[in-house]
Amino acid sequence: MNSKLYVGNLSFEMTEDEVKELFGTYGEVTEVKMITDRYTGRPRGFAFVSFATPEAAGAALEGLNGQPHRGRNLAIDWARSETRDRKPEGGGGNRSFGDRRERPSRDNKSFR
């Protein structure tokens, strides 16, 4: 059973320690991963919280989901499995038109 939660709608000023303290009242928190913007390093307003037991995670979900914290209502759900089907990463791929028709010229504004 899953013991990791997705926590959304966090205040942008919250730190990992504050999230751990908030969720620690429901059981032992083993990890907090705050998601940050890759360019600015600022928090994006959501995190993943892992618990020692699924029961503790369930208690936190029931106790905190929808509750106001720092002027925002927390949005909590079970985190998706990291092994879920994902689209392959990488660049562009085939950018041609599916039926191989001729591409419209730049001066032709109608793209059908």
PDB file of N, CA and C in Angstrom:
ATOM      1  N   MET A   1       0.833  -1.184   0.000  1.00  0.00           N
ATOM      2  CA  MET A   1       0.000   0.000   0.000  1.00  0.00           C
ATOM      3  C   MET A   1       0.883   1.255   0.000  1.00  0.00           C
ATOM      4  N   ASN A   2       0.388   2.304  -0.617  1.00  0.00           N
ATOM      5  CA  ASN A   2       1.134   3.542  -0.795  1.00  0.00           C
ATOM      6  C   ASN A   2       1.238   4.313   0.519  1.00  0.00           C
ATOM      7  N   SER A   3       2.385   4.893   0.779  1.00  0.00           N
ATOM      8  CA  SER A   3       2.542   5.736   1.965  1.00  0.00           C
ATOM      9  C   SER A   3       3.080   7.113   1.590  1.00  0.00           C
ATOM     10  N   LYS A   4       2.832   7.524   0.336  1.00  0.00           N
ATOM     11  CA  LYS A   4       3.291   8.825  -0.144  1.00  0.00           C
ATOM     12  C   LYS A   4       2.091   9.646  -0.586  1.00  0.00           C
ATOM     13  N   LEU A   5       2.093  10.922  -0.179  1.00  0.00           N
ATOM     14  CA  LEU A   5       1.004  11.832  -0.515  1.00  0.00           C
ATOM     15  C   LEU A   5       1.494  12.969  -1.401  1.00  0.00           C
ATOM     16  N   TYR A   6       0.607  13.395  -2.287  1.00  0.00           N
ATOM     17  CA  TYR A   6       0.798  14.632  -3.051  1.00  0.00           C
ATOM     18  C   TYR A   6       0.120  15.721  -2.239  1.00  0.00           C
ATOM     19  N   VAL A   7       0.810  16.829  -2.016  1.00  0.00           N
ATOM     20  CA  VAL A   7       0.255  17.954  -1.261  1.00  0.00           C
ATOM     21  C   VAL A   7       0.317  19.185  -2.145  1.00  0.00           C
ATOM     22  N   GLY A   8      -0.846  19.699  -2.528  1.00  0.00           N
ATOM     23  CA  GLY A   8      -0.917  20.871  -3.386  1.00  0.00           C
ATOM     24  C   GLY A   8      -1.491  22.067  -2.672  1.00  0.00           C
ATOM     25  N   ASN A   9      -1.375  23.191  -3.318  1.00  0.00           N
ATOM     26  CA  ASN A   9      -1.880  24.469  -2.833  1.00  0.00           C
ATOM     27  C   ASN A   9      -1.179  24.919  -1.550  1.00  0.00           C
ATOM     28  N   LEU A  10       0.105  24.606  -1.459  1.00  0.00           N
ATOM     29  CA  LEU A  10       0.906  25.059  -0.321  1.00  0.00           C
ATOM     30  C   LEU A  10       1.258  26.528  -0.484  1.00  0.00           C
ATOM     31  N   SER A  11       1.437  27.175   0.631  1.00  0.00           N
ATOM     32  CA  SER A  11       1.948  28.540   0.616  1.00  0.00           C
ATOM     33  C   SER A  11       3.355  28.514   0.025  1.00  0.00           C
ATOM     34  N   PHE A  12       3.673  29.486  -0.801  1.00  0.00           N
ATOM     35  CA  PHE A  12       4.979  29.522  -1.448  1.00  0.00           C
ATOM     36  C   PHE A  12       6.111  29.815  -0.462  1.00  0.00           C
ATOM     37  N   GLU A  13       5.768  30.260   0.727  1.00  0.00           N
ATOM     38  CA  GLU A  13       6.780  30.572   1.732  1.00  0.00           C
ATOM     39  C   GLU A  13       7.118  29.376   2.624  1.00  0.00           C
ATOM     40  N   MET A  14       6.382  28.269   2.500  1.00  0.00           N
ATOM     41  CA  MET A  14       6.625  27.109   3.367  1.00  0.00           C
ATOM     42  C   MET A  14       7.951  26.437   3.026  1.00  0.00           C
ATOM     43  N   THR A  15       8.598  25.914   4.058  1.00  0.00           N
ATOM     44  CA  THR A  15       9.846  25.178   3.895  1.00  0.00           C
ATOM     45  C   THR A  15       9.577  23.688   4.097  1.00  0.00           C
ATOM     46  N   GLU A  16      10.557  22.855   3.741  1.00  0.00           N
ATOM     47  CA  GLU A  16      10.420  21.412   3.946  1.00  0.00           C
ATOM     48  C   GLU A  16      10.231  21.084   5.426  1.00  0.00           C
ATOM     49  N   ASP A  17      10.957  21.787   6.290  1.00  0.00           N
ATOM     50  CA  ASP A  17      10.831  21.536   7.728  1.00  0.00           C
ATOM     51  C   ASP A  17       9.423  21.860   8.233  1.00  0.00           C
ATOM     52  N   GLU A  18       8.833  22.937   7.738  1.00  0.00           N
ATOM     53  CA  GLU A  18       7.476  23.294   8.151  1.00  0.00           C
ATOM     54  C   GLU A  18       6.449  22.271   7.664  1.00  0.00           C
ATOM     55  N   VAL A  19       6.639  21.758   6.460  1.00  0.00           N
ATOM     56  CA  VAL A  19       5.739  20.722   5.940  1.00  0.00           C
ATOM     57  C   VAL A  19       5.888  19.456   6.781  1.00  0.00           C
ATOM     58  N   LYS A  20       7.130  19.101   7.099  1.00  0.00           N
ATOM     59  CA  LYS A  20       7.379  17.907   7.921  1.00  0.00           C
ATOM     60  C   LYS A  20       6.737  18.058   9.299  1.00  0.00           C
ATOM     61  N   GLU A  21       6.826  19.225   9.877  1.00  0.00           N
ATOM     62  CA  GLU A  21       6.213  19.469  11.185  1.00  0.00           C
ATOM     63  C   GLU A  21       4.691  19.379  11.114  1.00  0.00           C
ATOM     64  N   LEU A  22       4.095  19.963  10.070  1.00  0.00           N
ATOM     65  CA  LEU A  22       2.651  19.939   9.902  1.00  0.00           C
ATOM     66  C   LEU A  22       2.128  18.509   9.768  1.00  0.00           C
ATOM     67  N   PHE A  23       2.775  17.701   8.951  1.00  0.00           N
ATOM     68  CA  PHE A  23       2.326  16.336   8.707  1.00  0.00           C
ATOM     69  C   PHE A  23       2.801  15.363   9.782  1.00  0.00           C
ATOM     70  N   GLY A  24       3.827  15.747  10.527  1.00  0.00           N
ATOM     71  CA  GLY A  24       4.365  14.883  11.572  1.00  0.00           C
ATOM     72  C   GLY A  24       3.396  14.612  12.703  1.00  0.00           C
ATOM     73  N   THR A  25       2.366  15.404  12.834  1.00  0.00           N
ATOM     74  CA  THR A  25       1.370  15.170  13.889  1.00  0.00           C
ATOM     75  C   THR A  25       0.527  13.929  13.598  1.00  0.00           C
ATOM     76  N   TYR A  26       0.593  13.401  12.368  1.00  0.00           N
ATOM     77  CA  TYR A  26      -0.194  12.233  11.980  1.00  0.00           C
ATOM     78  C   TYR A  26       0.633  10.952  11.934  1.00  0.00           C
ATOM     79  N   GLY A  27       1.922  11.055  12.061  1.00  0.00           N
ATOM     80  CA  GLY A  27       2.790   9.887  12.042  1.00  0.00           C
ATOM     81  C   GLY A  27       4.193  10.274  11.617  1.00  0.00           C
ATOM     82  N   GLU A  28       5.074   9.296  11.578  1.00  0.00           N
ATOM     83  CA  GLU A  28       6.470   9.564  11.235  1.00  0.00           C
ATOM     84  C   GLU A  28       6.616   9.885   9.752  1.00  0.00           C
ATOM     85  N   VAL A  29       7.117  11.087   9.479  1.00  0.00           N
ATOM     86  CA  VAL A  29       7.386  11.524   8.105  1.00  0.00           C
ATOM     87  C   VAL A  29       8.809  11.115   7.770  1.00  0.00           C
ATOM     88  N   THR A  30       8.964  10.335   6.698  1.00  0.00           N
ATOM     89  CA  THR A  30      10.299   9.869   6.317  1.00  0.00           C
ATOM     90  C   THR A  30      10.976  10.767   5.282  1.00  0.00           C
ATOM     91  N   GLU A  31      10.164  11.485   4.479  1.00  0.00           N
ATOM     92  CA  GLU A  31      10.741  12.353   3.451  1.00  0.00           C
ATOM     93  C   GLU A  31       9.732  13.420   3.039  1.00  0.00           C
ATOM     94  N   VAL A  32      10.246  14.606   2.789  1.00  0.00           N
ATOM     95  CA  VAL A  32       9.462  15.695   2.201  1.00  0.00           C
ATOM     96  C   VAL A  32      10.240  16.183   0.996  1.00  0.00           C
ATOM     97  N   LYS A  33       9.573  16.202  -0.147  1.00  0.00           N
ATOM     98  CA  LYS A  33      10.220  16.697  -1.364  1.00  0.00           C
ATOM     99  C   LYS A  33       9.405  17.871  -1.899  1.00  0.00           C
ATOM    100  N   MET A  34       9.920  19.077  -1.673  1.00  0.00           N
ATOM    101  CA  MET A  34       9.291  20.291  -2.188  1.00  0.00           C
ATOM    102  C   MET A  34       9.709  20.437  -3.645  1.00  0.00           C
ATOM    103  N   ILE A  35       8.751  20.701  -4.510  1.00  0.00           N
ATOM    104  CA  ILE A  35       9.040  20.878  -5.923  1.00  0.00           C
ATOM    105  C   ILE A  35       9.309  22.358  -6.173  1.00  0.00           C
ATOM    106  N   THR A  36      10.433  22.622  -6.835  1.00  0.00           N
ATOM    107  CA  THR A  36      10.832  24.008  -7.092  1.00  0.00           C
ATOM    108  C   THR A  36      10.951  24.253  -8.588  1.00  0.00           C
ATOM    109  N   ASP A  37      10.861  25.509  -8.961  1.00  0.00           N
ATOM    110  CA  ASP A  37      11.049  25.909 -10.353  1.00  0.00           C
ATOM    111  C   ASP A  37      12.509  25.696 -10.718  1.00  0.00           C
ATOM    112  N   ARG A  38      12.756  25.060 -11.838  1.00  0.00           N
ATOM    113  CA  ARG A  38      14.132  24.732 -12.192  1.00  0.00           C
ATOM    114  C   ARG A  38      14.972  25.954 -12.521  1.00  0.00           C
ATOM    115  N   TYR A  39      14.354  27.054 -12.914  1.00  0.00           N
ATOM    116  CA  TYR A  39      15.121  28.244 -13.293  1.00  0.00           C
ATOM    117  C   TYR A  39      15.316  29.214 -12.133  1.00  0.00           C
ATOM    118  N   THR A  40      14.269  29.409 -11.327  1.00  0.00           N
ATOM    119  CA  THR A  40      14.365  30.384 -10.243  1.00  0.00           C
ATOM    120  C   THR A  40      14.682  29.746  -8.902  1.00  0.00           C
ATOM    121  N   GLY A  41      14.391  28.447  -8.753  1.00  0.00           N
ATOM    122  CA  GLY A  41      14.621  27.779  -7.481  1.00  0.00           C
ATOM    123  C   GLY A  41      13.522  28.025  -6.458  1.00  0.00           C
ATOM    124  N   ARG A  42      12.515  28.778  -6.839  1.00  0.00           N
ATOM    125  CA  ARG A  42      11.413  29.075  -5.916  1.00  0.00           C
ATOM    126  C   ARG A  42      10.439  27.898  -5.840  1.00  0.00           C
ATOM    127  N   PRO A  43       9.810  27.706  -4.679  1.00  0.00           N
ATOM    128  CA  PRO A  43       8.812  26.639  -4.555  1.00  0.00           C
ATOM    129  C   PRO A  43       7.652  26.844  -5.522  1.00  0.00           C
ATOM    130  N   ARG A  44       7.114  25.731  -6.043  1.00  0.00           N
ATOM    131  CA  ARG A  44       6.007  25.796  -6.997  1.00  0.00           C
ATOM    132  C   ARG A  44       4.655  25.604  -6.326  1.00  0.00           C
ATOM    133  N   GLY A  45       4.643  25.414  -4.997  1.00  0.00           N
ATOM    134  CA  GLY A  45       3.372  25.316  -4.276  1.00  0.00           C
ATOM    135  C   GLY A  45       2.868  23.903  -4.074  1.00  0.00           C
ATOM    136  N   PHE A  46       3.729  22.909  -4.348  1.00  0.00           N
ATOM    137  CA  PHE A  46       3.319  21.545  -4.032  1.00  0.00           C
ATOM    138  C   PHE A  46       4.525  20.710  -3.615  1.00  0.00           C
ATOM    139  N   ALA A  47       4.213  19.588  -2.961  1.00  0.00           N
ATOM    140  CA  ALA A  47       5.269  18.730  -2.429  1.00  0.00           C
ATOM    141  C   ALA A  47       4.778  17.288  -2.380  1.00  0.00           C
ATOM    142  N   PHE A  48       5.717  16.397  -2.120  1.00  0.00           N
ATOM    143  CA  PHE A  48       5.400  14.996  -1.874  1.00  0.00           C
ATOM    144  C   PHE A  48       5.886  14.667  -0.474  1.00  0.00           C
ATOM    145  N   VAL A  49       5.009  14.048   0.311  1.00  0.00           N
ATOM    146  CA  VAL A  49       5.326  13.701   1.692  1.00  0.00           C
ATOM    147  C   VAL A  49       5.220  12.192   1.839  1.00  0.00           C
ATOM    148  N   SER A  50       6.304  11.565   2.303  1.00  0.00           N
ATOM    149  CA  SER A  50       6.328  10.119   2.525  1.00  0.00           C
ATOM    150  C   SER A  50       6.255   9.827   4.011  1.00  0.00           C
ATOM    151  N   PHE A  51       5.496   8.799   4.363  1.00  0.00           N
ATOM    152  CA  PHE A  51       5.315   8.388   5.748  1.00  0.00           C
ATOM    153  C   PHE A  51       5.908   7.003   5.958  1.00  0.00           C
ATOM    154  N   ALA A  52       6.170   6.664   7.220  1.00  0.00           N
ATOM    155  CA  ALA A  52       6.693   5.350   7.561  1.00  0.00           C
ATOM    156  C   ALA A  52       5.648   4.268   7.327  1.00  0.00           C
ATOM    157  N   THR A  53       4.372   4.608   7.500  1.00  0.00           N
ATOM    158  CA  THR A  53       3.302   3.617   7.326  1.00  0.00           C
ATOM    159  C   THR A  53       2.175   4.186   6.469  1.00  0.00           C
ATOM    160  N   PRO A  54       1.480   3.332   5.738  1.00  0.00           N
ATOM    161  CA  PRO A  54       0.324   3.789   4.967  1.00  0.00           C
ATOM    162  C   PRO A  54      -0.801   4.320   5.857  1.00  0.00           C
ATOM    163  N   GLU A  55      -0.906   3.794   7.063  1.00  0.00           N
ATOM    164  CA  GLU A  55      -1.945   4.249   7.994  1.00  0.00           C
ATOM    165  C   GLU A  55      -1.726   5.711   8.390  1.00  0.00           C
ATOM    166  N   ALA A  56      -0.473   6.086   8.613  1.00  0.00           N
ATOM    167  CA  ALA A  56      -0.159   7.476   8.958  1.00  0.00           C
ATOM    168  C   ALA A  56      -0.474   8.391   7.775  1.00  0.00           C
ATOM    169  N   ALA A  57      -0.142   7.934   6.574  1.00  0.00           N
ATOM    170  CA  ALA A  57      -0.439   8.729   5.378  1.00  0.00           C
ATOM    171  C   ALA A  57      -1.946   8.908   5.230  1.00  0.00           C
ATOM    172  N   GLY A  58      -2.707   7.842   5.443  1.00  0.00           N
ATOM    173  CA  GLY A  58      -4.168   7.923   5.353  1.00  0.00           C
ATOM    174  C   GLY A  58      -4.754   8.870   6.388  1.00  0.00           C
ATOM    175  N   ALA A  59      -4.205   8.842   7.591  1.00  0.00           N
ATOM    176  CA  ALA A  59      -4.682   9.743   8.647  1.00  0.00           C
ATOM    177  C   ALA A  59      -4.417  11.200   8.280  1.00  0.00           C
ATOM    178  N   ALA A  60      -3.235  11.471   7.714  1.00  0.00           N
ATOM    179  CA  ALA A  60      -2.897  12.840   7.289  1.00  0.00           C
ATOM    180  C   ALA A  60      -3.806  13.287   6.159  1.00  0.00           C
ATOM    181  N   LEU A  61      -4.084  12.394   5.221  1.00  0.00           N
ATOM    182  CA  LEU A  61      -4.983  12.714   4.114  1.00  0.00           C
ATOM    183  C   LEU A  61      -6.361  13.088   4.628  1.00  0.00           C
ATOM    184  N   GLU A  62      -6.893  12.274   5.516  1.00  0.00           N
ATOM    185  CA  GLU A  62      -8.223  12.544   6.085  1.00  0.00           C
ATOM    186  C   GLU A  62      -8.238  13.811   6.933  1.00  0.00           C
ATOM    187  N   GLY A  63      -7.155  14.034   7.679  1.00  0.00           N
ATOM    188  CA  GLY A  63      -7.128  15.157   8.607  1.00  0.00           C
ATOM    189  C   GLY A  63      -6.828  16.512   7.993  1.00  0.00           C
ATOM    190  N   LEU A  64      -6.071  16.540   6.910  1.00  0.00           N
ATOM    191  CA  LEU A  64      -5.614  17.829   6.373  1.00  0.00           C
ATOM    192  C   LEU A  64      -6.195  18.208   5.017  1.00  0.00           C
ATOM    193  N   ASN A  65      -6.732  17.260   4.269  1.00  0.00           N
ATOM    194  CA  ASN A  65      -7.251  17.582   2.933  1.00  0.00           C
ATOM    195  C   ASN A  65      -8.382  18.602   3.030  1.00  0.00           C
ATOM    196  N   GLY A  66      -8.224  19.699   2.318  1.00  0.00           N
ATOM    197  CA  GLY A  66      -9.223  20.763   2.293  1.00  0.00           C
ATOM    198  C   GLY A  66      -9.140  21.737   3.463  1.00  0.00           C
ATOM    199  N   GLN A  67      -8.244  21.493   4.386  1.00  0.00           N
ATOM    200  CA  GLN A  67      -8.115  22.366   5.554  1.00  0.00           C
ATOM    201  C   GLN A  67      -7.312  23.618   5.215  1.00  0.00           C
ATOM    202  N   PRO A  68      -7.707  24.753   5.766  1.00  0.00           N
ATOM    203  CA  PRO A  68      -6.944  25.983   5.504  1.00  0.00           C
ATOM    204  C   PRO A  68      -5.611  25.971   6.248  1.00  0.00           C
ATOM    205  N   HIS A  69      -4.597  26.440   5.568  1.00  0.00           N
ATOM    206  CA  HIS A  69      -3.280  26.596   6.175  1.00  0.00           C
ATOM    207  C   HIS A  69      -2.590  27.761   5.506  1.00  0.00           C
ATOM    208  N   ARG A  70      -2.266  28.765   6.282  1.00  0.00           N
ATOM    209  CA  ARG A  70      -1.644  29.998   5.780  1.00  0.00           C
ATOM    210  C   ARG A  70      -2.467  30.635   4.662  1.00  0.00           C
ATOM    211  N   GLY A  71      -3.774  30.644   4.837  1.00  0.00           N
ATOM    212  CA  GLY A  71      -4.652  31.320   3.888  1.00  0.00           C
ATOM    213  C   GLY A  71      -4.976  30.531   2.633  1.00  0.00           C
ATOM    214  N   ARG A  72      -4.566  29.263   2.572  1.00  0.00           N
ATOM    215  CA  ARG A  72      -4.843  28.419   1.399  1.00  0.00           C
ATOM    216  C   ARG A  72      -5.397  27.081   1.872  1.00  0.00           C
ATOM    217  N   ASN A  73      -6.358  26.547   1.128  1.00  0.00           N
ATOM    218  CA  ASN A  73      -6.901  25.236   1.458  1.00  0.00           C
ATOM    219  C   ASN A  73      -6.014  24.161   0.838  1.00  0.00           C
ATOM    220  N   LEU A  74      -5.485  23.274   1.681  1.00  0.00           N
ATOM    221  CA  LEU A  74      -4.592  22.227   1.204  1.00  0.00           C
ATOM    222  C   LEU A  74      -5.339  21.245   0.312  1.00  0.00           C
ATOM    223  N   ALA A  75      -4.700  20.804  -0.746  1.00  0.00           N
ATOM    224  CA  ALA A  75      -5.250  19.803  -1.658  1.00  0.00           C
ATOM    225  C   ALA A  75      -4.334  18.580  -1.572  1.00  0.00           C
ATOM    226  N   ILE A  76      -4.814  17.520  -0.940  1.00  0.00           N
ATOM    227  CA  ILE A  76      -3.985  16.345  -0.678  1.00  0.00           C
ATOM    228  C   ILE A  76      -4.615  15.125  -1.325  1.00  0.00           C
ATOM    229  N   ASP A  77      -3.763  14.287  -1.911  1.00  0.00           N
ATOM    230  CA  ASP A  77      -4.226  13.046  -2.528  1.00  0.00           C
ATOM    231  C   ASP A  77      -3.078  12.047  -2.478  1.00  0.00           C
ATOM    232  N   TRP A  78      -3.384  10.788  -2.741  1.00  0.00           N
ATOM    233  CA  TRP A  78      -2.343   9.778  -2.821  1.00  0.00           C
ATOM    234  C   TRP A  78      -1.457  10.096  -4.018  1.00  0.00           C
ATOM    235  N   ALA A  79      -0.143   9.979  -3.827  1.00  0.00           N
ATOM    236  CA  ALA A  79       0.794  10.215  -4.922  1.00  0.00           C
ATOM    237  C   ALA A  79       0.694   9.050  -5.904  1.00  0.00           C
ATOM    238  N   ARG A  80       0.832   9.355  -7.181  1.00  0.00           N
ATOM    239  CA  ARG A  80       0.841   8.310  -8.203  1.00  0.00           C
ATOM    240  C   ARG A  80       2.144   7.543  -8.133  1.00  0.00           C
ATOM    241  N   SER A  81       2.089   6.314  -8.557  1.00  0.00           N
ATOM    242  CA  SER A  81       3.277   5.470  -8.594  1.00  0.00           C
ATOM    243  C   SER A  81       4.285   6.041  -9.582  1.00  0.00           C
ATOM    244  N   GLU A  82       5.541   5.959  -9.237  1.00  0.00           N
ATOM    245  CA  GLU A  82       6.585   6.459 -10.141  1.00  0.00           C
ATOM    246  C   GLU A  82       6.775   5.542 -11.334  1.00  0.00           C
ATOM    247  N   THR A  83       6.200   4.358 -11.301  1.00  0.00           N
ATOM    248  CA  THR A  83       6.357   3.415 -12.403  1.00  0.00           C
ATOM    249  C   THR A  83       5.201   3.486 -13.389  1.00  0.00           C
ATOM    250  N   ARG A  84       4.329   4.480 -13.245  1.00  0.00           N
ATOM    251  CA  ARG A  84       3.194   4.587 -14.151  1.00  0.00           C
ATOM    252  C   ARG A  84       3.677   4.796 -15.585  1.00  0.00           C
ATOM    253  N   ASP A  85       2.827   4.501 -16.510  1.00  0.00           N
ATOM    254  CA  ASP A  85       3.190   4.662 -17.921  1.00  0.00           C
ATOM    255  C   ASP A  85       3.407   6.134 -18.232  1.00  0.00           C
ATOM    256  N   ARG A  86       4.542   6.421 -18.771  1.00  0.00           N
ATOM    257  CA  ARG A  86       4.869   7.794 -19.146  1.00  0.00           C
ATOM    258  C   ARG A  86       5.225   7.826 -20.616  1.00  0.00           C
ATOM    259  N   LYS A  87       5.036   8.973 -21.200  1.00  0.00           N
ATOM    260  CA  LYS A  87       5.496   9.161 -22.573  1.00  0.00           C
ATOM    261  C   LYS A  87       7.013   9.216 -22.542  1.00  0.00           C
ATOM    262  N   PRO A  88       7.649   8.687 -23.561  1.00  0.00           N
ATOM    263  CA  PRO A  88       9.109   8.751 -23.575  1.00  0.00           C
ATOM    264  C   PRO A  88       9.583  10.196 -23.599  1.00  0.00           C
ATOM    265  N   GLU A  89      10.629  10.451 -22.862  1.00  0.00           N
ATOM    266  CA  GLU A  89      11.175  11.802 -22.847  1.00  0.00           C
ATOM    267  C   GLU A  89      12.107  11.982 -24.028  1.00  0.00           C
ATOM    268  N   GLY A  90      12.335  13.190 -24.361  1.00  0.00           N
ATOM    269  CA  GLY A  90      13.263  13.456 -25.448  1.00  0.00           C
ATOM    270  C   GLY A  90      12.734  14.535 -26.349  1.00  0.00           C
ATOM    271  N   GLY A  91      13.458  14.787 -27.378  1.00  0.00           N
ATOM    272  CA  GLY A  91      13.139  15.895 -28.253  1.00  0.00           C
ATOM    273  C   GLY A  91      12.096  15.584 -29.289  1.00  0.00           C
ATOM    274  N   GLY A  92      11.607  16.600 -29.853  1.00  0.00           N
ATOM    275  CA  GLY A  92      10.662  16.754 -30.920  1.00  0.00           C
ATOM    276  C   GLY A  92       9.919  15.599 -31.514  1.00  0.00           C
ATOM    277  N   GLY A  93      10.594  14.583 -31.964  1.00  0.00           N
ATOM    278  CA  GLY A  93       9.900  13.503 -32.644  1.00  0.00           C
ATOM    279  C   GLY A  93       9.517  13.902 -34.053  1.00  0.00           C
ATOM    280  N   ASN A  94       8.549  13.211 -34.617  1.00  0.00           N
ATOM    281  CA  ASN A  94       8.115  13.459 -35.986  1.00  0.00           C
ATOM    282  C   ASN A  94       7.120  14.618 -36.003  1.00  0.00           C
ATOM    283  N   ARG A  95       7.486  15.690 -36.618  1.00  0.00           N
ATOM    284  CA  ARG A  95       6.626  16.866 -36.628  1.00  0.00           C
ATOM    285  C   ARG A  95       5.932  17.044 -37.974  1.00  0.00           C
ATOM    286  N   SER A  96       5.902  16.004 -38.777  1.00  0.00           N
ATOM    287  CA  SER A  96       5.256  16.118 -40.079  1.00  0.00           C
ATOM    288  C   SER A  96       3.749  15.995 -39.917  1.00  0.00           C
ATOM    289  N   PHE A  97       3.030  16.380 -40.949  1.00  0.00           N
ATOM    290  CA  PHE A  97       1.577  16.208 -40.946  1.00  0.00           C
ATOM    291  C   PHE A  97       1.294  14.728 -41.058  1.00  0.00           C
ATOM    292  N   GLY A  98       0.301  14.244 -40.346  1.00  0.00           N
ATOM    293  CA  GLY A  98       0.004  12.827 -40.266  1.00  0.00           C
ATOM    294  C   GLY A  98      -0.228  12.156 -41.600  1.00  0.00           C
ATOM    295  N   ASP A  99      -0.888  12.828 -42.552  1.00  0.00           N
ATOM    296  CA  ASP A  99      -1.182  12.184 -43.826  1.00  0.00           C
ATOM    297  C   ASP A  99      -0.161  12.534 -44.905  1.00  0.00           C
ATOM    298  N   ARG A 100       0.939  13.127 -44.515  1.00  0.00           N
ATOM    299  CA  ARG A 100       2.034  13.454 -45.425  1.00  0.00           C
ATOM    300  C   ARG A 100       1.661  14.432 -46.537  1.00  0.00           C
ATOM    301  N   ARG A 101       0.614  15.189 -46.333  1.00  0.00           N
ATOM    302  CA  ARG A 101       0.255  16.180 -47.352  1.00  0.00           C
ATOM    303  C   ARG A 101       1.297  17.290 -47.352  1.00  0.00           C
ATOM    304  N   GLU A 102       1.265  18.079 -48.362  1.00  0.00           N
ATOM    305  CA  GLU A 102       2.215  19.174 -48.469  1.00  0.00           C
ATOM    306  C   GLU A 102       1.965  20.192 -47.376  1.00  0.00           C
ATOM    307  N   ARG A 103       3.040  20.707 -46.828  1.00  0.00           N
ATOM    308  CA  ARG A 103       2.893  21.751 -45.827  1.00  0.00           C
ATOM    309  C   ARG A 103       2.482  23.049 -46.500  1.00  0.00           C
ATOM    310  N   PRO A 104       1.635  23.836 -45.858  1.00  0.00           N
ATOM    311  CA  PRO A 104       1.280  25.133 -46.429  1.00  0.00           C
ATOM    312  C   PRO A 104       2.482  26.068 -46.429  1.00  0.00           C
ATOM    313  N   SER A 105       2.546  26.916 -47.408  1.00  0.00           N
ATOM    314  CA  SER A 105       3.653  27.869 -47.454  1.00  0.00           C
ATOM    315  C   SER A 105       3.435  28.928 -46.390  1.00  0.00           C
ATOM    316  N   ARG A 106       4.493  29.637 -46.072  1.00  0.00           N
ATOM    317  CA  ARG A 106       4.402  30.652 -45.024  1.00  0.00           C
ATOM    318  C   ARG A 106       3.449  31.776 -45.379  1.00  0.00           C
ATOM    319  N   ASP A 107       3.339  32.093 -46.649  1.00  0.00           N
ATOM    320  CA  ASP A 107       2.450  33.187 -47.037  1.00  0.00           C
ATOM    321  C   ASP A 107       1.011  32.742 -47.138  1.00  0.00           C
ATOM    322  N   ASN A 108       0.752  31.450 -47.141  1.00  0.00           N
ATOM    323  CA  ASN A 108      -0.616  30.925 -47.184  1.00  0.00           C
ATOM    324  C   ASN A 108      -1.126  30.831 -45.752  1.00  0.00           C
ATOM    325  N   LYS A 109      -2.077  31.672 -45.399  1.00  0.00           N
ATOM    326  CA  LYS A 109      -2.546  31.756 -44.019  1.00  0.00           C
ATOM    327  C   LYS A 109      -3.570  30.682 -43.656  1.00  0.00           C
ATOM    328  N   SER A 110      -4.117  29.996 -44.645  1.00  0.00           N
ATOM    329  CA  SER A 110      -5.109  28.962 -44.320  1.00  0.00           C
ATOM    330  C   SER A 110      -4.411  27.615 -44.180  1.00  0.00           C
ATOM    331  N   PHE A 111      -4.586  27.003 -43.070  1.00  0.00           N
ATOM    332  CA  PHE A 111      -3.926  25.734 -42.772  1.00  0.00           C
ATOM    333  C   PHE A 111      -4.913  24.579 -42.811  1.00  0.00           C
ATOM    334  N   ARG A 112      -6.062  24.737 -43.428  1.00  0.00           N
ATOM    335  CA  ARG A 112      -7.130  23.752 -43.545  1.00  0.00           C
ATOM    336  C   ARG A 112      -7.522  23.213 -42.233  1.00  0.00           C
TER     337      ARG A 112
END
